[in-house]
């Protein structure tokens, strides 16, 4: 009889260990999924950042006296790249995601102002290189929006796993911190749309 009880206790303990391992592994997979989704945002934002210097160089020839606008775009690009670097160091960290969103907001504003200025230069609007850069930038903006959506979905899945039972127990035991969404501030609804870049 003692042997049967011992076997039952061992089986229950093994099942409990398997249950804990499965829960822990589920949280790890969910965390890795949102980090991978952030990597996709990183790829698209880097592409966006790489297109901007070409856009500025093309515009410089036509807009020599609009130096302030061009410099504002370059400065906003730098701020956005700093925000990306902070978020890249710790995807999901609330402060890093907020810095990333603020950098993107500044860049979107600068690109919108550039678009307004470019409208005043018909030759620049008709420039083949400028039209191609504009199309690539618009395409990249759409890819950024899709990547942000995938990231936010992965963060939601991870946070749901870590907040529901039994994941909440494992998250507490193994220090799984909540991840932050890449959100657009409610007071800035214009950020929800990709900047219109039509030259």
Protein backbone atom coordinates (compact mmCIF):
# COMPACT_ATOMS: atom_id res chain seq x y z
CA UNK A 1 0.00 0.00 0.00
CA UNK A 2 2.84 2.41 0.85
CA UNK A 3 4.41 1.67 -2.53
CA UNK A 4 1.20 2.60 -4.39
CA UNK A 5 0.89 5.89 -2.49
CA UNK A 6 4.57 6.64 -3.21
CA UNK A 7 4.04 6.01 -6.93
CA UNK A 8 0.95 8.24 -6.96
CA UNK A 9 2.85 11.04 -5.19
CA UNK A 10 5.75 10.74 -7.67
CA UNK A 11 3.35 10.81 -10.66
CA UNK A 12 1.52 13.86 -9.27
CA UNK A 13 4.83 15.64 -8.67
CA UNK A 14 6.00 14.81 -12.20
CA UNK A 15 2.74 16.12 -13.65
CA UNK A 16 3.11 19.29 -11.60
CA UNK A 17 6.69 19.77 -12.85
CA UNK A 18 5.57 19.20 -16.46
CA UNK A 19 2.72 21.69 -15.94
CA UNK A 20 5.11 24.34 -14.57
CA UNK A 21 7.61 23.77 -17.39
CA UNK A 22 4.88 24.03 -20.01
CA UNK A 23 3.59 27.28 -18.48
CA UNK A 24 7.06 28.77 -18.26
CA UNK A 25 7.86 27.77 -21.85
CA UNK A 26 4.59 29.34 -23.03
CA UNK A 27 5.56 32.64 -21.44
CA UNK A 28 9.04 32.47 -22.99
CA UNK A 29 7.56 31.78 -26.44
CA UNK A 30 5.13 34.70 -26.07
CA UNK A 31 7.93 37.03 -24.94
CA UNK A 32 10.10 35.94 -27.87
CA UNK A 33 7.17 36.49 -30.25
CA UNK A 34 6.72 40.13 -29.23
CA UNK A 35 10.48 40.71 -29.40
CA UNK A 36 10.50 39.26 -32.90
CA UNK A 37 7.54 41.44 -33.85
CA UNK A 38 9.48 44.46 -32.58
CA UNK A 39 12.42 43.41 -34.76
CA UNK A 40 10.09 43.77 -37.77
CA UNK A 41 9.27 47.33 -36.71
CA UNK A 42 13.00 47.95 -36.36
CA UNK A 43 13.63 46.77 -39.93
CA UNK A 44 10.94 49.02 -41.39
CA UNK A 45 11.92 52.07 -39.34
CA UNK A 46 15.56 51.67 -40.35
CA UNK A 47 14.46 51.53 -43.99
CA UNK A 48 12.44 54.69 -43.41
CA UNK A 49 15.43 56.38 -41.79
CA UNK A 50 17.66 55.35 -44.71
CA UNK A 51 15.27 56.87 -47.26
CA UNK A 52 15.11 60.27 -45.58
CA UNK A 53 18.70 61.42 -46.38
CA UNK A 54 18.11 60.61 -50.06
CA UNK A 55 14.88 62.58 -49.95
CA UNK A 56 16.67 65.55 -48.39
CA UNK A 57 19.52 65.45 -50.90
CA UNK A 58 17.08 65.41 -53.80
CA UNK A 59 15.12 68.31 -52.33
CA UNK A 60 18.24 70.40 -51.53
CA UNK A 61 18.91 71.23 -55.15
CA UNK A 62 15.45 72.74 -55.56
CA UNK A 63 14.91 74.19 -52.11
CA UNK A 64 18.16 75.97 -51.30
CA UNK A 65 16.44 78.69 -49.29
CA UNK A 66 14.29 76.20 -47.34
CA UNK A 67 17.27 75.04 -45.29
CA UNK A 68 15.41 75.31 -41.97
CA UNK A 69 12.75 72.82 -43.10
CA UNK A 70 15.36 70.36 -44.35
CA UNK A 71 17.37 70.66 -41.14
CA UNK A 72 14.21 70.04 -39.10
CA UNK A 73 13.65 66.76 -40.95
CA UNK A 74 17.26 65.72 -40.34
CA UNK A 75 16.99 66.59 -36.63
CA UNK A 76 13.68 64.74 -36.30
CA UNK A 77 15.23 61.72 -38.00
CA UNK A 78 18.02 61.76 -35.41
CA UNK A 79 15.52 61.95 -32.54
CA UNK A 80 13.49 59.12 -34.04
CA UNK A 81 16.61 56.99 -34.43
CA UNK A 82 17.47 57.61 -30.76
CA UNK A 83 13.97 56.50 -29.80
CA UNK A 84 14.39 53.36 -31.87
CA UNK A 85 17.74 52.62 -30.23
CA UNK A 86 16.17 52.93 -26.77
CA UNK A 87 13.30 50.64 -27.72
CA UNK A 88 15.65 48.21 -29.42
CA UNK A 89 17.66 47.88 -26.20
CA UNK A 90 14.55 46.83 -24.30
CA UNK A 91 11.49 46.02 -26.46
CA UNK A 92 8.32 46.20 -24.45
CA UNK A 93 9.70 48.61 -21.82
CA UNK A 94 7.07 51.34 -21.29
CA UNK A 95 9.56 54.25 -21.20
CA UNK A 96 11.39 52.98 -24.28
CA UNK A 97 8.16 52.51 -26.23
CA UNK A 98 7.02 56.00 -25.25
CA UNK A 99 10.35 57.46 -26.43
CA UNK A 100 10.00 55.57 -29.71
CA UNK A 101 6.46 56.90 -30.23
CA UNK A 102 7.57 60.48 -29.44
CA UNK A 103 10.45 60.25 -31.92
CA UNK A 104 8.14 58.95 -34.62
CA UNK A 105 5.66 61.74 -33.87
CA UNK A 106 8.38 64.37 -34.33
CA UNK A 107 9.53 62.78 -37.59
CA UNK A 108 5.98 62.56 -38.93
CA UNK A 109 5.49 66.26 -38.18
CA UNK A 110 8.74 67.24 -39.88
CA UNK A 111 7.90 65.16 -42.96
CA UNK A 112 4.45 66.75 -43.11
CA UNK A 113 6.02 70.23 -43.04
CA UNK A 114 8.44 69.16 -45.78
CA UNK A 115 5.49 67.99 -47.86
CA UNK A 116 3.84 71.40 -47.53
CA UNK A 117 7.03 73.16 -48.66
CA UNK A 118 7.58 70.76 -51.57
CA UNK A 119 4.11 71.61 -52.88
CA UNK A 120 5.50 75.05 -53.70
CA UNK A 121 8.11 73.59 -56.10
CA UNK A 122 6.49 72.08 -59.22
CA UNK A 123 9.84 71.04 -60.71
CA UNK A 124 10.70 69.14 -57.55
CA UNK A 125 7.31 67.42 -57.50
CA UNK A 126 7.90 66.29 -61.09
CA UNK A 127 11.44 65.03 -60.40
CA UNK A 128 11.55 61.27 -61.11
CA UNK A 129 13.92 60.56 -58.22
CA UNK A 130 11.69 62.50 -55.82
CA UNK A 131 8.60 60.64 -57.00
CA UNK A 132 10.35 57.29 -56.55
CA UNK A 133 11.57 58.21 -53.05
CA UNK A 134 8.08 59.39 -52.20
CA UNK A 135 6.59 56.07 -53.30
CA UNK A 136 9.17 54.08 -51.33
CA UNK A 137 8.58 56.19 -48.23
CA UNK A 138 4.81 55.75 -48.50
CA UNK A 139 5.24 51.99 -48.93
CA UNK A 140 7.54 51.87 -45.92
CA UNK A 141 5.03 53.84 -43.84
CA UNK A 142 2.42 51.19 -44.61
CA UNK A 143 4.85 48.43 -43.62
CA UNK A 144 5.60 50.23 -40.35
CA UNK A 145 1.87 50.37 -39.59
CA UNK A 146 1.46 46.64 -40.24
CA UNK A 147 4.57 45.81 -38.19
CA UNK A 148 3.27 47.96 -35.31
CA UNK A 149 -0.04 46.11 -35.43
CA UNK A 150 1.73 42.72 -35.35
CA UNK A 151 3.90 43.88 -32.45
CA UNK A 152 0.90 45.12 -30.46
CA UNK A 153 -0.90 41.82 -31.10
CA UNK A 154 2.12 39.86 -29.85
CA UNK A 155 2.41 42.10 -26.76
CA UNK A 156 -1.28 41.61 -26.02
CA UNK A 157 -0.89 37.83 -26.30
CA UNK A 158 2.14 37.89 -23.99
CA UNK A 159 0.45 40.16 -21.43
CA UNK A 160 -2.68 37.99 -21.51
CA UNK A 161 -0.58 34.89 -20.83
CA UNK A 162 1.27 36.53 -17.95
CA UNK A 163 -1.88 37.98 -16.35
CA UNK A 164 -4.17 34.94 -16.52
CA UNK A 165 -3.99 31.90 -14.29
CA UNK A 166 -1.76 29.90 -14.14
CA UNK A 167 0.57 32.15 -16.17
CA UNK A 168 0.29 34.87 -13.52
CA UNK A 169 1.83 32.47 -11.00
CA UNK A 170 4.74 31.66 -13.33
CA UNK A 171 5.18 35.31 -14.29
CA UNK A 172 5.52 36.20 -10.61
CA UNK A 173 7.84 33.30 -9.84
CA UNK A 174 10.14 33.93 -12.81
CA UNK A 175 9.91 37.76 -13.03
CA UNK A 176 8.18 38.13 -16.39
CA UNK A 177 7.55 41.88 -16.58
CA UNK A 178 4.61 43.30 -18.52
CA UNK A 179 5.35 44.55 -22.03
CA UNK A 180 4.17 47.92 -23.32
CA UNK A 181 2.26 48.46 -26.52
CA UNK A 182 3.56 50.85 -29.13
CA UNK A 183 0.65 53.22 -28.80
CA UNK A 184 -0.30 56.50 -30.34
CA UNK A 185 -1.18 59.01 -27.62
CA UNK A 186 -4.94 59.71 -27.53
CA UNK A 187 -4.25 63.44 -27.59
CA UNK A 188 -2.48 63.01 -30.98
CA UNK A 189 -5.03 61.37 -33.31
CA UNK A 190 -3.22 62.71 -36.39
CA UNK A 191 -0.41 60.22 -35.65
CA UNK A 192 -2.75 57.35 -36.41
CA UNK A 193 -2.41 58.10 -40.11
CA UNK A 194 0.84 57.66 -41.98
CA UNK A 195 2.21 61.04 -43.03
CA UNK A 196 1.09 61.94 -46.50
CA UNK A 197 4.15 62.14 -48.69
CA UNK A 198 3.01 63.10 -52.15
CA UNK A 199 5.35 65.10 -54.30
